[in-house]
Amino acid sequence: MPTVLVVDDEVGALTLVGIMLERGGYNVLKAQNAQTALEIVGTKQFDLIVLDIMMPDMDGIELCKVIRSDSPVKQTPILIMSARSDPKSVQCGLEAGANDYIQKPILHNQLLAKVQKALQNAASK
């Protein structure tokens, strides 16, 4: 069963995404900020990251760049999720190294489809 790290500073969103993933058959690790996420990156194993953009201290774009540049999991698929859906925000997320971009509010089937696609793409490399 694949494990997904979900990073979001909003407890409600973190809980909701976690429930959606668990119901979809995934194990879930949760982090409420970038610092906790980086600690998990250094100590636990997981197969994919779902990352919110708007967080205090270090936003999701910066966290994505850090993970991609200097991390033992820099090849791990990353899905960015955000309420921002304008083309510039999407482009920034993808340029930071995300594999895909999910607009909030997130629909259960959409989330599971994007997670499955990202895991399949990673497995085929």
C-alpha atoms as a PDB file:
ATOM      1  CA  MET A   1       0.000   0.000   0.000  1.00  0.00           C
ATOM      2  CA  PRO A   2       1.633   3.304  -1.083  1.00  0.00           C
ATOM      3  CA  THR A   3       2.207   6.026   1.493  1.00  0.00           C
ATOM      4  CA  VAL A   4       1.416   9.688   0.812  1.00  0.00           C
ATOM      5  CA  LEU A   5       2.818  12.658   2.748  1.00  0.00           C
ATOM      6  CA  VAL A   6       0.217  15.445   2.943  1.00  0.00           C
ATOM      7  CA  VAL A   7       1.432  18.937   3.881  1.00  0.00           C
ATOM      8  CA  ASP A   8      -1.124  21.652   4.699  1.00  0.00           C
ATOM      9  CA  ASP A   9      -1.268  24.215   7.497  1.00  0.00           C
ATOM     10  CA  GLU A  10      -5.074  24.080   7.632  1.00  0.00           C
ATOM     11  CA  VAL A  11      -6.102  21.234   9.941  1.00  0.00           C
ATOM     12  CA  GLY A  12      -9.469  20.802   8.191  1.00  0.00           C
ATOM     13  CA  ALA A  13      -7.881  20.450   4.752  1.00  0.00           C
ATOM     14  CA  LEU A  14      -5.171  18.164   6.119  1.00  0.00           C
ATOM     15  CA  THR A  15      -7.788  15.927   7.725  1.00  0.00           C
ATOM     16  CA  LEU A  16     -10.063  15.904   4.659  1.00  0.00           C
ATOM     17  CA  VAL A  17      -7.294  15.051   2.194  1.00  0.00           C
ATOM     18  CA  GLY A  18      -6.019  12.401   4.604  1.00  0.00           C
ATOM     19  CA  ILE A  19      -9.462  10.779   4.811  1.00  0.00           C
ATOM     20  CA  MET A  20      -9.854  10.846   1.016  1.00  0.00           C
ATOM     21  CA  LEU A  21      -6.505   9.142   0.546  1.00  0.00           C
ATOM     22  CA  GLU A  22      -7.101   6.563   3.284  1.00  0.00           C
ATOM     23  CA  ARG A  23     -10.471   5.673   1.733  1.00  0.00           C
ATOM     24  CA  GLY A  24      -8.651   5.342  -1.582  1.00  0.00           C
ATOM     25  CA  GLY A  25      -6.335   2.713  -0.097  1.00  0.00           C
ATOM     26  CA  TYR A  26      -3.277   4.801   0.805  1.00  0.00           C
ATOM     27  CA  ASN A  27      -1.319   5.168   4.028  1.00  0.00           C
ATOM     28  CA  VAL A  28      -1.071   8.832   5.025  1.00  0.00           C
ATOM     29  CA  LEU A  29       1.597  10.851   6.822  1.00  0.00           C
ATOM     30  CA  LYS A  30       0.642  14.436   7.766  1.00  0.00           C
ATOM     31  CA  ALA A  31       2.588  17.640   8.320  1.00  0.00           C
ATOM     32  CA  GLN A  32       1.128  21.040   9.236  1.00  0.00           C
ATOM     33  CA  ASN A  33       4.140  23.056   8.078  1.00  0.00           C
ATOM     34  CA  ALA A  34       7.253  22.904   5.951  1.00  0.00           C
ATOM     35  CA  GLN A  35       9.593  22.252   8.878  1.00  0.00           C
ATOM     36  CA  THR A  36       7.653  19.163   9.963  1.00  0.00           C
ATOM     37  CA  ALA A  37       7.493  18.025   6.335  1.00  0.00           C
ATOM     38  CA  LEU A  38      11.282  18.306   6.016  1.00  0.00           C
ATOM     39  CA  GLU A  39      11.721  16.277   9.224  1.00  0.00           C
ATOM     40  CA  ILE A  40       9.473  13.562   7.775  1.00  0.00           C
ATOM     41  CA  VAL A  41      11.380  13.707   4.471  1.00  0.00           C
ATOM     42  CA  GLY A  42      14.579  12.966   6.384  1.00  0.00           C
ATOM     43  CA  THR A  43      13.239  10.159   8.555  1.00  0.00           C
ATOM     44  CA  LYS A  44      10.296   8.304   6.970  1.00  0.00           C
ATOM     45  CA  GLN A  45       9.571   6.534   3.718  1.00  0.00           C
ATOM     46  CA  PHE A  46       6.696   7.522   1.440  1.00  0.00           C
ATOM     47  CA  ASP A  47       5.811   7.332  -2.228  1.00  0.00           C
ATOM     48  CA  LEU A  48       4.272  10.722  -3.021  1.00  0.00           C
ATOM     49  CA  ILE A  49       3.814  14.215  -1.573  1.00  0.00           C
ATOM     50  CA  VAL A  50       0.623  16.300  -1.714  1.00  0.00           C
ATOM     51  CA  LEU A  51       1.622  19.850  -0.892  1.00  0.00           C
ATOM     52  CA  ASP A  52      -0.374  23.019  -0.192  1.00  0.00           C
ATOM     53  CA  ILE A  53       1.053  26.299  -1.486  1.00  0.00           C
ATOM     54  CA  MET A  54      -0.140  28.865   1.037  1.00  0.00           C
ATOM     55  CA  MET A  55       1.593  28.128   4.345  1.00  0.00           C
ATOM     56  CA  PRO A  56       3.330  30.368   6.882  1.00  0.00           C
ATOM     57  CA  ASP A  57       7.123  30.580   7.156  1.00  0.00           C
ATOM     58  CA  MET A  58       7.973  28.531   4.036  1.00  0.00           C
ATOM     59  CA  ASP A  59       5.314  28.264   1.356  1.00  0.00           C
ATOM     60  CA  GLY A  60       4.704  25.160  -0.709  1.00  0.00           C
ATOM     61  CA  ILE A  61       6.540  26.477  -3.762  1.00  0.00           C
ATOM     62  CA  GLU A  62       9.693  27.019  -1.738  1.00  0.00           C
ATOM     63  CA  LEU A  63       9.306  23.658   0.003  1.00  0.00           C
ATOM     64  CA  CYS A  64       8.933  21.961  -3.372  1.00  0.00           C
ATOM     65  CA  LYS A  65      12.152  23.629  -4.565  1.00  0.00           C
ATOM     66  CA  VAL A  66      14.003  22.513  -1.420  1.00  0.00           C
ATOM     67  CA  ILE A  67      12.818  18.931  -1.815  1.00  0.00           C
ATOM     68  CA  ARG A  68      13.778  18.900  -5.503  1.00  0.00           C
ATOM     69  CA  SER A  69      17.205  20.464  -4.998  1.00  0.00           C
ATOM     70  CA  ASP A  70      18.704  18.787  -1.958  1.00  0.00           C
ATOM     71  CA  SER A  71      16.767  15.884  -0.600  1.00  0.00           C
ATOM     72  CA  PRO A  72      17.013  12.107  -0.424  1.00  0.00           C
ATOM     73  CA  VAL A  73      13.514  12.010  -1.954  1.00  0.00           C
ATOM     74  CA  LYS A  74      14.066  14.526  -4.751  1.00  0.00           C
ATOM     75  CA  GLN A  75      12.652  12.085  -7.335  1.00  0.00           C
ATOM     76  CA  THR A  76       9.440  11.485  -5.353  1.00  0.00           C
ATOM     77  CA  PRO A  77       6.314  12.705  -7.187  1.00  0.00           C
ATOM     78  CA  ILE A  78       4.851  15.951  -5.836  1.00  0.00           C
ATOM     79  CA  LEU A  79       1.294  17.163  -6.355  1.00  0.00           C
ATOM     80  CA  ILE A  80       0.658  20.769  -5.428  1.00  0.00           C
ATOM     81  CA  MET A  81      -2.818  21.687  -4.225  1.00  0.00           C
ATOM     82  CA  SER A  82      -4.008  25.258  -3.960  1.00  0.00           C
ATOM     83  CA  ALA A  83      -7.034  27.506  -4.068  1.00  0.00           C
ATOM     84  CA  ARG A  84      -5.029  29.564  -6.559  1.00  0.00           C
ATOM     85  CA  SER A  85      -5.925  28.397 -10.030  1.00  0.00           C
ATOM     86  CA  ASP A  86      -4.627  31.199 -12.204  1.00  0.00           C
ATOM     87  CA  PRO A  87      -2.149  30.192 -14.946  1.00  0.00           C
ATOM     88  CA  LYS A  88       0.778  31.967 -13.249  1.00  0.00           C
ATOM     89  CA  SER A  89       0.293  30.043  -9.979  1.00  0.00           C
ATOM     90  CA  VAL A  90       0.061  26.749 -11.841  1.00  0.00           C
ATOM     91  CA  GLN A  91       3.191  27.598 -13.846  1.00  0.00           C
ATOM     92  CA  CYS A  92       5.103  28.541 -10.666  1.00  0.00           C
ATOM     93  CA  GLY A  93       4.166  25.218  -9.072  1.00  0.00           C
ATOM     94  CA  LEU A  94       5.255  23.186 -12.060  1.00  0.00           C
ATOM     95  CA  GLU A  95       8.472  25.187 -12.469  1.00  0.00           C
ATOM     96  CA  ALA A  96       9.272  24.540  -8.793  1.00  0.00           C
ATOM     97  CA  GLY A  97       9.289  20.835  -9.609  1.00  0.00           C
ATOM     98  CA  ALA A  98       5.736  19.633  -8.982  1.00  0.00           C
ATOM     99  CA  ASN A  99       4.498  16.823 -11.189  1.00  0.00           C
ATOM    100  CA  ASP A 100       0.921  18.090 -11.215  1.00  0.00           C
ATOM    101  CA  TYR A 101      -1.340  20.782  -9.772  1.00  0.00           C
ATOM    102  CA  ILE A 102      -4.715  20.243  -8.086  1.00  0.00           C
ATOM    103  CA  GLN A 103      -7.158  23.086  -7.522  1.00  0.00           C
ATOM    104  CA  LYS A 104      -8.987  23.373  -4.189  1.00  0.00           C
ATOM    105  CA  PRO A 105     -11.645  22.492  -3.334  1.00  0.00           C
ATOM    106  CA  ILE A 106     -10.433  19.005  -4.115  1.00  0.00           C
ATOM    107  CA  LEU A 107     -12.847  16.367  -5.320  1.00  0.00           C
ATOM    108  CA  HIS A 108     -12.280  12.834  -4.021  1.00  0.00           C
ATOM    109  CA  ASN A 109     -12.177  11.150  -7.435  1.00  0.00           C
ATOM    110  CA  GLN A 110      -9.958  13.855  -8.910  1.00  0.00           C
ATOM    111  CA  LEU A 111      -7.452  13.537  -6.058  1.00  0.00           C
ATOM    112  CA  LEU A 112      -7.283   9.753  -6.301  1.00  0.00           C
ATOM    113  CA  ALA A 113      -6.914   9.867 -10.094  1.00  0.00           C
ATOM    114  CA  LYS A 114      -4.020  12.349  -9.921  1.00  0.00           C
ATOM    115  CA  VAL A 115      -2.289  10.404  -7.129  1.00  0.00           C
ATOM    116  CA  GLN A 116      -2.626   7.146  -9.050  1.00  0.00           C
ATOM    117  CA  LYS A 117      -1.354   8.743 -12.267  1.00  0.00           C
ATOM    118  CA  ALA A 118       1.665  10.288 -10.518  1.00  0.00           C
ATOM    119  CA  LEU A 119       2.559   6.971  -8.849  1.00  0.00           C
ATOM    120  CA  GLN A 120       2.210   5.086 -12.161  1.00  0.00           C
ATOM    121  CA  ASN A 121       4.398   7.637 -13.949  1.00  0.00           C
ATOM    122  CA  ALA A 122       7.050   7.364 -11.245  1.00  0.00           C
ATOM    123  CA  ALA A 123       6.992   3.562 -11.392  1.00  0.00           C
ATOM    124  CA  SER A 124       7.475   3.560 -15.160  1.00  0.00           C
ATOM    125  CA  LYS A 125      10.668   5.639 -15.019  1.00  0.00           C
END
